[in-house]
Amino acid sequence: MKKLLPFLAACLVLALSSFIVLRPAADGYQVGDKAADFKLRNVDGKMVSLADNKAAKGYIVVFTCNTCPYAKAYEQRIIDLNTKYAAQGYPVVAINPNDPAVAPGDSFADMQKRAKDKKYAFPYLQDETQQVARQYGATRTPHLYVLTRQGNDFVVSYIGAIDDNSEDAKQVKTKYLENALTDIMAGKPASVNSTKAIGCTIKWKRA
């Protein structure tokens, strides 16, 4: 038994280190933080950054994917958010943070097919290194962040869920994100600026 202890201890250290690597590197952004810009590949092959859209008053940044049942349940609602708010200066930017080696249905080719089939009118970006998801502190798909332009900066104004019913859009009682945007576009802080994101855990790269 004594001879096994060093081996078991080494296994435990390895397991814990693997677990740590698979988690986000930091807690990520909080409401009020300035969001750093990024440059990620869109499904059309072009690189996209927040600075590209000079007319944007802000963004609805959503970490989502092809494969998660929650992401699929919210897909039409995300499309509808872009339809409603892009014209008002808050377009959707969708980011897929999943590692396709862990979730094969989230490959770049699958992203391109999904965007084409569903006629996405917004960027669908691949966070290949998962650095942007880690920077934001995203943990689930979908996980939303409303950014508001302040001068040349974009400030986090809301974090969390779209609404209070992930299963049935017709049964939604509280539209968290839309309520937040109503306040924000009126020049006020969101009365509820943070809610719990409900969805699948992001598929982090294996150690």
C-alpha atoms as a PDB file:
ATOM      1  CA  MET A   1       0.000   0.000   0.000  1.00  0.00           C
ATOM      2  CA  LYS A   2       2.845   2.381   0.907  1.00  0.00           C
ATOM      3  CA  LYS A   3       4.400   1.797  -2.528  1.00  0.00           C
ATOM      4  CA  LEU A   4       1.145   2.805  -4.171  1.00  0.00           C
ATOM      5  CA  LEU A   5       0.832   6.110  -2.341  1.00  0.00           C
ATOM      6  CA  PRO A   6       3.347   8.065  -4.495  1.00  0.00           C
ATOM      7  CA  PHE A   7       1.675   6.737  -7.639  1.00  0.00           C
ATOM      8  CA  LEU A   8      -1.802   7.661  -6.396  1.00  0.00           C
ATOM      9  CA  ALA A   9      -0.593  11.103  -5.357  1.00  0.00           C
ATOM     10  CA  ALA A  10       0.906  11.687  -8.813  1.00  0.00           C
ATOM     11  CA  CYS A  11      -2.365  10.622 -10.431  1.00  0.00           C
ATOM     12  CA  LEU A  12      -4.289  13.024  -8.217  1.00  0.00           C
ATOM     13  CA  VAL A  13      -1.987  15.923  -9.101  1.00  0.00           C
ATOM     14  CA  LEU A  14      -2.324  15.122 -12.792  1.00  0.00           C
ATOM     15  CA  ALA A  15      -6.098  14.931 -12.544  1.00  0.00           C
ATOM     16  CA  LEU A  16      -6.324  18.220 -10.677  1.00  0.00           C
ATOM     17  CA  SER A  17      -3.998  19.979 -13.099  1.00  0.00           C
ATOM     18  CA  SER A  18      -6.076  18.733 -16.020  1.00  0.00           C
ATOM     19  CA  PHE A  19      -9.224  20.006 -14.320  1.00  0.00           C
ATOM     20  CA  ILE A  20      -7.691  23.416 -13.764  1.00  0.00           C
ATOM     21  CA  VAL A  21      -6.598  23.677 -17.395  1.00  0.00           C
ATOM     22  CA  LEU A  22     -10.115  22.876 -18.560  1.00  0.00           C
ATOM     23  CA  ARG A  23     -11.683  25.752 -16.611  1.00  0.00           C
ATOM     24  CA  PRO A  24     -11.734  29.426 -17.598  1.00  0.00           C
ATOM     25  CA  ALA A  25      -8.496  31.172 -16.687  1.00  0.00           C
ATOM     26  CA  ALA A  26     -10.215  33.945 -14.740  1.00  0.00           C
ATOM     27  CA  ASP A  27     -13.582  35.122 -13.485  1.00  0.00           C
ATOM     28  CA  GLY A  28     -13.859  37.347 -16.524  1.00  0.00           C
ATOM     29  CA  TYR A  29     -15.652  40.644 -16.966  1.00  0.00           C
ATOM     30  CA  GLN A  30     -18.017  42.213 -14.486  1.00  0.00           C
ATOM     31  CA  VAL A  31     -20.641  44.845 -15.261  1.00  0.00           C
ATOM     32  CA  GLY A  32     -18.844  48.167 -15.674  1.00  0.00           C
ATOM     33  CA  ASP A  33     -15.627  46.665 -17.054  1.00  0.00           C
ATOM     34  CA  LYS A  34     -14.175  47.769 -20.381  1.00  0.00           C
ATOM     35  CA  ALA A  35     -14.214  44.919 -22.889  1.00  0.00           C
ATOM     36  CA  ALA A  36     -11.064  44.446 -24.921  1.00  0.00           C
ATOM     37  CA  ASP A  37     -11.532  44.170 -28.666  1.00  0.00           C
ATOM     38  CA  PHE A  38     -10.894  40.895 -30.446  1.00  0.00           C
ATOM     39  CA  LYS A  39     -10.360  39.682 -33.987  1.00  0.00           C
ATOM     40  CA  LEU A  40     -11.981  36.345 -34.818  1.00  0.00           C
ATOM     41  CA  ARG A  41     -12.763  34.465 -38.029  1.00  0.00           C
ATOM     42  CA  ASN A  42     -16.320  34.735 -39.292  1.00  0.00           C
ATOM     43  CA  VAL A  43     -18.078  31.965 -41.207  1.00  0.00           C
ATOM     44  CA  ASP A  44     -17.462  33.938 -44.414  1.00  0.00           C
ATOM     45  CA  GLY A  45     -13.722  33.633 -43.789  1.00  0.00           C
ATOM     46  CA  LYS A  46     -13.220  37.297 -42.912  1.00  0.00           C
ATOM     47  CA  MET A  47     -11.785  38.512 -39.616  1.00  0.00           C
ATOM     48  CA  VAL A  48     -14.211  40.508 -37.469  1.00  0.00           C
ATOM     49  CA  SER A  49     -13.621  42.886 -34.570  1.00  0.00           C
ATOM     50  CA  LEU A  50     -15.822  45.190 -32.503  1.00  0.00           C
ATOM     51  CA  ALA A  51     -14.089  48.215 -34.001  1.00  0.00           C
ATOM     52  CA  ASP A  52     -15.239  47.285 -37.514  1.00  0.00           C
ATOM     53  CA  ASN A  53     -18.755  48.668 -37.044  1.00  0.00           C
ATOM     54  CA  LYS A  54     -18.290  52.401 -36.500  1.00  0.00           C
ATOM     55  CA  ALA A  55     -22.047  52.964 -36.256  1.00  0.00           C
ATOM     56  CA  ALA A  56     -22.611  50.478 -33.451  1.00  0.00           C
ATOM     57  CA  LYS A  57     -23.824  51.966 -30.177  1.00  0.00           C
ATOM     58  CA  GLY A  58     -23.009  48.639 -28.598  1.00  0.00           C
ATOM     59  CA  TYR A  59     -23.263  44.911 -29.152  1.00  0.00           C
ATOM     60  CA  ILE A  60     -25.126  41.860 -27.969  1.00  0.00           C
ATOM     61  CA  VAL A  61     -22.254  39.394 -27.691  1.00  0.00           C
ATOM     62  CA  VAL A  62     -23.491  35.828 -27.310  1.00  0.00           C
ATOM     63  CA  PHE A  63     -21.333  32.774 -26.754  1.00  0.00           C
ATOM     64  CA  THR A  64     -23.241  29.963 -28.410  1.00  0.00           C
ATOM     65  CA  CYS A  65     -22.699  26.861 -30.553  1.00  0.00           C
ATOM     66  CA  ASN A  66     -24.277  24.342 -32.926  1.00  0.00           C
ATOM     67  CA  THR A  67     -24.653  21.342 -30.646  1.00  0.00           C
ATOM     68  CA  CYS A  68     -25.996  22.417 -27.257  1.00  0.00           C
ATOM     69  CA  PRO A  69     -29.771  21.824 -26.824  1.00  0.00           C
ATOM     70  CA  TYR A  70     -30.056  25.130 -24.957  1.00  0.00           C
ATOM     71  CA  ALA A  71     -28.275  26.979 -27.759  1.00  0.00           C
ATOM     72  CA  LYS A  72     -30.656  25.390 -30.259  1.00  0.00           C
ATOM     73  CA  ALA A  73     -33.669  26.333 -28.122  1.00  0.00           C
ATOM     74  CA  TYR A  74     -32.505  29.953 -28.032  1.00  0.00           C
ATOM     75  CA  GLU A  75     -31.333  30.147 -31.634  1.00  0.00           C
ATOM     76  CA  GLN A  76     -34.474  31.759 -33.055  1.00  0.00           C
ATOM     77  CA  ARG A  77     -34.608  34.168 -30.126  1.00  0.00           C
ATOM     78  CA  ILE A  78     -31.021  35.214 -30.870  1.00  0.00           C
ATOM     79  CA  ILE A  79     -31.942  35.744 -34.526  1.00  0.00           C
ATOM     80  CA  ASP A  80     -34.949  37.811 -33.416  1.00  0.00           C
ATOM     81  CA  LEU A  81     -32.791  39.919 -31.091  1.00  0.00           C
ATOM     82  CA  ASN A  82     -30.566  40.872 -33.998  1.00  0.00           C
ATOM     83  CA  THR A  83     -33.594  41.671 -36.150  1.00  0.00           C
ATOM     84  CA  LYS A  84     -34.984  43.945 -33.438  1.00  0.00           C
ATOM     85  CA  TYR A  85     -31.875  45.639 -32.101  1.00  0.00           C
ATOM     86  CA  ALA A  86     -29.329  45.793 -34.949  1.00  0.00           C
ATOM     87  CA  ALA A  87     -31.297  48.635 -36.521  1.00  0.00           C
ATOM     88  CA  GLN A  88     -31.228  50.411 -33.161  1.00  0.00           C
ATOM     89  CA  GLY A  89     -27.445  50.172 -32.945  1.00  0.00           C
ATOM     90  CA  TYR A  90     -27.033  46.957 -30.939  1.00  0.00           C
ATOM     91  CA  PRO A  91     -26.331  44.098 -33.372  1.00  0.00           C
ATOM     92  CA  VAL A  92     -25.665  40.520 -32.329  1.00  0.00           C
ATOM     93  CA  VAL A  93     -22.174  39.078 -32.531  1.00  0.00           C
ATOM     94  CA  ALA A  94     -22.261  35.306 -31.998  1.00  0.00           C
ATOM     95  CA  ILE A  95     -19.106  33.464 -30.910  1.00  0.00           C
ATOM     96  CA  ASN A  96     -18.617  29.701 -30.825  1.00  0.00           C
ATOM     97  CA  PRO A  97     -16.048  28.878 -28.107  1.00  0.00           C
ATOM     98  CA  ASN A  98     -16.357  25.086 -28.186  1.00  0.00           C
ATOM     99  CA  ASP A  99     -13.372  22.903 -29.027  1.00  0.00           C
ATOM    100  CA  PRO A 100     -14.444  20.818 -32.066  1.00  0.00           C
ATOM    101  CA  ALA A 101     -12.167  18.009 -30.869  1.00  0.00           C
ATOM    102  CA  VAL A 102     -14.517  17.671 -27.887  1.00  0.00           C
ATOM    103  CA  ALA A 103     -17.717  18.649 -29.733  1.00  0.00           C
ATOM    104  CA  PRO A 104     -17.261  17.562 -33.385  1.00  0.00           C
ATOM    105  CA  GLY A 105     -20.500  19.237 -34.454  1.00  0.00           C
ATOM    106  CA  ASP A 106     -18.941  22.600 -33.648  1.00  0.00           C
ATOM    107  CA  SER A 107     -16.270  22.555 -36.337  1.00  0.00           C
ATOM    108  CA  PHE A 108     -15.808  25.615 -38.538  1.00  0.00           C
ATOM    109  CA  ALA A 109     -17.404  23.787 -41.477  1.00  0.00           C
ATOM    110  CA  ASP A 110     -20.425  22.921 -39.330  1.00  0.00           C
ATOM    111  CA  MET A 111     -20.640  26.558 -38.213  1.00  0.00           C
ATOM    112  CA  GLN A 112     -20.690  27.665 -41.847  1.00  0.00           C
ATOM    113  CA  LYS A 113     -23.463  25.207 -42.657  1.00  0.00           C
ATOM    114  CA  ARG A 114     -25.515  26.261 -39.634  1.00  0.00           C
ATOM    115  CA  ALA A 115     -25.208  29.951 -40.436  1.00  0.00           C
ATOM    116  CA  LYS A 116     -26.214  29.318 -44.050  1.00  0.00           C
ATOM    117  CA  ASP A 117     -29.134  27.030 -43.201  1.00  0.00           C
ATOM    118  CA  LYS A 118     -30.516  29.443 -40.588  1.00  0.00           C
ATOM    119  CA  LYS A 119     -29.698  32.558 -42.655  1.00  0.00           C
ATOM    120  CA  TYR A 120     -27.764  34.304 -39.906  1.00  0.00           C
ATOM    121  CA  ALA A 121     -27.707  38.051 -40.542  1.00  0.00           C
ATOM    122  CA  PHE A 122     -24.950  38.560 -37.959  1.00  0.00           C
ATOM    123  CA  PRO A 123     -21.351  37.397 -37.581  1.00  0.00           C
ATOM    124  CA  TYR A 124     -20.822  33.851 -36.294  1.00  0.00           C
ATOM    125  CA  LEU A 125     -17.232  33.756 -35.112  1.00  0.00           C
ATOM    126  CA  GLN A 126     -14.936  30.903 -34.138  1.00  0.00           C
ATOM    127  CA  ASP A 127     -13.037  31.399 -30.875  1.00  0.00           C
ATOM    128  CA  GLU A 128     -10.449  28.833 -31.901  1.00  0.00           C
ATOM    129  CA  THR A 129      -8.060  29.430 -28.990  1.00  0.00           C
ATOM    130  CA  GLN A 130     -10.943  30.002 -26.527  1.00  0.00           C
ATOM    131  CA  GLN A 131      -9.099  33.095 -25.341  1.00  0.00           C
ATOM    132  CA  VAL A 132     -12.058  35.424 -25.856  1.00  0.00           C
ATOM    133  CA  ALA A 133     -14.406  33.174 -23.881  1.00  0.00           C
ATOM    134  CA  ARG A 134     -11.857  33.022 -21.059  1.00  0.00           C
ATOM    135  CA  GLN A 135     -11.400  36.790 -21.139  1.00  0.00           C
ATOM    136  CA  TYR A 136     -15.139  37.378 -20.891  1.00  0.00           C
ATOM    137  CA  GLY A 137     -15.586  34.681 -18.266  1.00  0.00           C
ATOM    138  CA  ALA A 138     -18.163  32.826 -20.359  1.00  0.00           C
ATOM    139  CA  THR A 139     -18.989  29.396 -18.995  1.00  0.00           C
ATOM    140  CA  ARG A 140     -22.077  28.289 -20.903  1.00  0.00           C
ATOM    141  CA  THR A 141     -23.791  28.294 -24.256  1.00  0.00           C
ATOM    142  CA  PRO A 142     -25.641  30.542 -24.551  1.00  0.00           C
ATOM    143  CA  HIS A 143     -23.997  33.217 -22.352  1.00  0.00           C
ATOM    144  CA  LEU A 144     -24.747  36.848 -23.217  1.00  0.00           C
ATOM    145  CA  TYR A 145     -22.958  40.158 -22.709  1.00  0.00           C
ATOM    146  CA  VAL A 146     -24.385  43.543 -23.655  1.00  0.00           C
ATOM    147  CA  LEU A 147     -21.649  46.033 -24.480  1.00  0.00           C
ATOM    148  CA  THR A 148     -22.301  49.779 -24.603  1.00  0.00           C
ATOM    149  CA  ARG A 149     -20.069  52.213 -26.476  1.00  0.00           C
ATOM    150  CA  GLN A 150     -18.484  54.901 -24.335  1.00  0.00           C
ATOM    151  CA  GLY A 151     -16.215  56.964 -26.540  1.00  0.00           C
ATOM    152  CA  ASN A 152     -13.795  54.511 -28.132  1.00  0.00           C
ATOM    153  CA  ASP A 153     -14.459  51.869 -25.483  1.00  0.00           C
ATOM    154  CA  PHE A 154     -17.102  49.209 -25.064  1.00  0.00           C
ATOM    155  CA  VAL A 155     -18.319  48.744 -21.502  1.00  0.00           C
ATOM    156  CA  VAL A 156     -20.103  45.647 -20.175  1.00  0.00           C
ATOM    157  CA  SER A 157     -23.649  46.655 -19.224  1.00  0.00           C
ATOM    158  CA  TYR A 158     -25.415  43.293 -18.811  1.00  0.00           C
ATOM    159  CA  ILE A 159     -24.308  39.683 -18.334  1.00  0.00           C
ATOM    160  CA  GLY A 160     -26.332  36.482 -18.266  1.00  0.00           C
ATOM    161  CA  ALA A 161     -29.428  34.942 -19.829  1.00  0.00           C
ATOM    162  CA  ILE A 162     -31.857  36.089 -22.514  1.00  0.00           C
ATOM    163  CA  ASP A 163     -34.977  35.347 -20.486  1.00  0.00           C
ATOM    164  CA  ASP A 164     -36.474  33.104 -17.808  1.00  0.00           C
ATOM    165  CA  ASN A 165     -37.568  30.140 -19.922  1.00  0.00           C
ATOM    166  CA  SER A 166     -34.965  28.138 -21.829  1.00  0.00           C
ATOM    167  CA  GLU A 167     -37.493  25.512 -22.936  1.00  0.00           C
ATOM    168  CA  ASP A 168     -40.390  27.455 -24.408  1.00  0.00           C
ATOM    169  CA  ALA A 169     -40.224  30.981 -25.797  1.00  0.00           C
ATOM    170  CA  LYS A 170     -44.016  31.266 -25.545  1.00  0.00           C
ATOM    171  CA  GLN A 171     -43.878  30.709 -21.784  1.00  0.00           C
ATOM    172  CA  VAL A 172     -41.349  33.469 -21.075  1.00  0.00           C
ATOM    173  CA  LYS A 173     -42.430  35.804 -18.293  1.00  0.00           C
ATOM    174  CA  THR A 174     -39.353  38.018 -17.962  1.00  0.00           C
ATOM    175  CA  LYS A 175     -37.154  39.084 -20.865  1.00  0.00           C
ATOM    176  CA  TYR A 176     -33.977  39.900 -18.951  1.00  0.00           C
ATOM    177  CA  LEU A 177     -31.901  41.049 -21.886  1.00  0.00           C
ATOM    178  CA  GLU A 178     -34.607  43.112 -23.548  1.00  0.00           C
ATOM    179  CA  ASN A 179     -35.474  44.792 -20.254  1.00  0.00           C
ATOM    180  CA  ALA A 180     -31.798  45.629 -19.777  1.00  0.00           C
ATOM    181  CA  LEU A 181     -31.559  47.086 -23.278  1.00  0.00           C
ATOM    182  CA  THR A 182     -34.673  49.206 -22.695  1.00  0.00           C
ATOM    183  CA  ASP A 183     -32.915  50.821 -19.735  1.00  0.00           C
ATOM    184  CA  ILE A 184     -29.572  51.104 -21.501  1.00  0.00           C
ATOM    185  CA  MET A 185     -31.009  52.738 -24.627  1.00  0.00           C
ATOM    186  CA  ALA A 186     -32.837  55.213 -22.378  1.00  0.00           C
ATOM    187  CA  GLY A 187     -29.451  56.248 -21.000  1.00  0.00           C
ATOM    188  CA  LYS A 188     -29.899  54.466 -17.673  1.00  0.00           C
ATOM    189  CA  PRO A 189     -28.050  51.549 -16.060  1.00  0.00           C
ATOM    190  CA  ALA A 190     -29.911  48.266 -16.426  1.00  0.00           C
ATOM    191  CA  SER A 191     -32.135  47.787 -13.370  1.00  0.00           C
ATOM    192  CA  VAL A 192     -31.202  44.090 -13.509  1.00  0.00           C
ATOM    193  CA  ASN A 193     -27.708  43.909 -14.963  1.00  0.00           C
ATOM    194  CA  SER A 194     -26.769  40.302 -14.169  1.00  0.00           C
ATOM    195  CA  THR A 195     -28.604  36.980 -14.280  1.00  0.00           C
ATOM    196  CA  LYS A 196     -27.551  33.352 -14.269  1.00  0.00           C
ATOM    197  CA  ALA A 197     -26.691  31.989 -17.716  1.00  0.00           C
ATOM    198  CA  ILE A 198     -28.525  28.724 -18.387  1.00  0.00           C
ATOM    199  CA  GLY A 199     -27.003  26.353 -20.913  1.00  0.00           C
ATOM    200  CA  CYS A 200     -24.440  23.680 -21.653  1.00  0.00           C
ATOM    201  CA  THR A 201     -20.938  24.065 -20.265  1.00  0.00           C
ATOM    202  CA  ILE A 202     -18.394  25.284 -22.784  1.00  0.00           C
ATOM    203  CA  LYS A 203     -16.334  22.425 -24.205  1.00  0.00           C
ATOM    204  CA  TRP A 204     -12.812  23.459 -23.224  1.00  0.00           C
ATOM    205  CA  LYS A 205      -9.728  22.079 -24.892  1.00  0.00           C
ATOM    206  CA  ARG A 206      -8.346  18.950 -23.269  1.00  0.00           C
ATOM    207  CA  ALA A 207      -5.006  19.252 -21.500  1.00  0.00           C
END
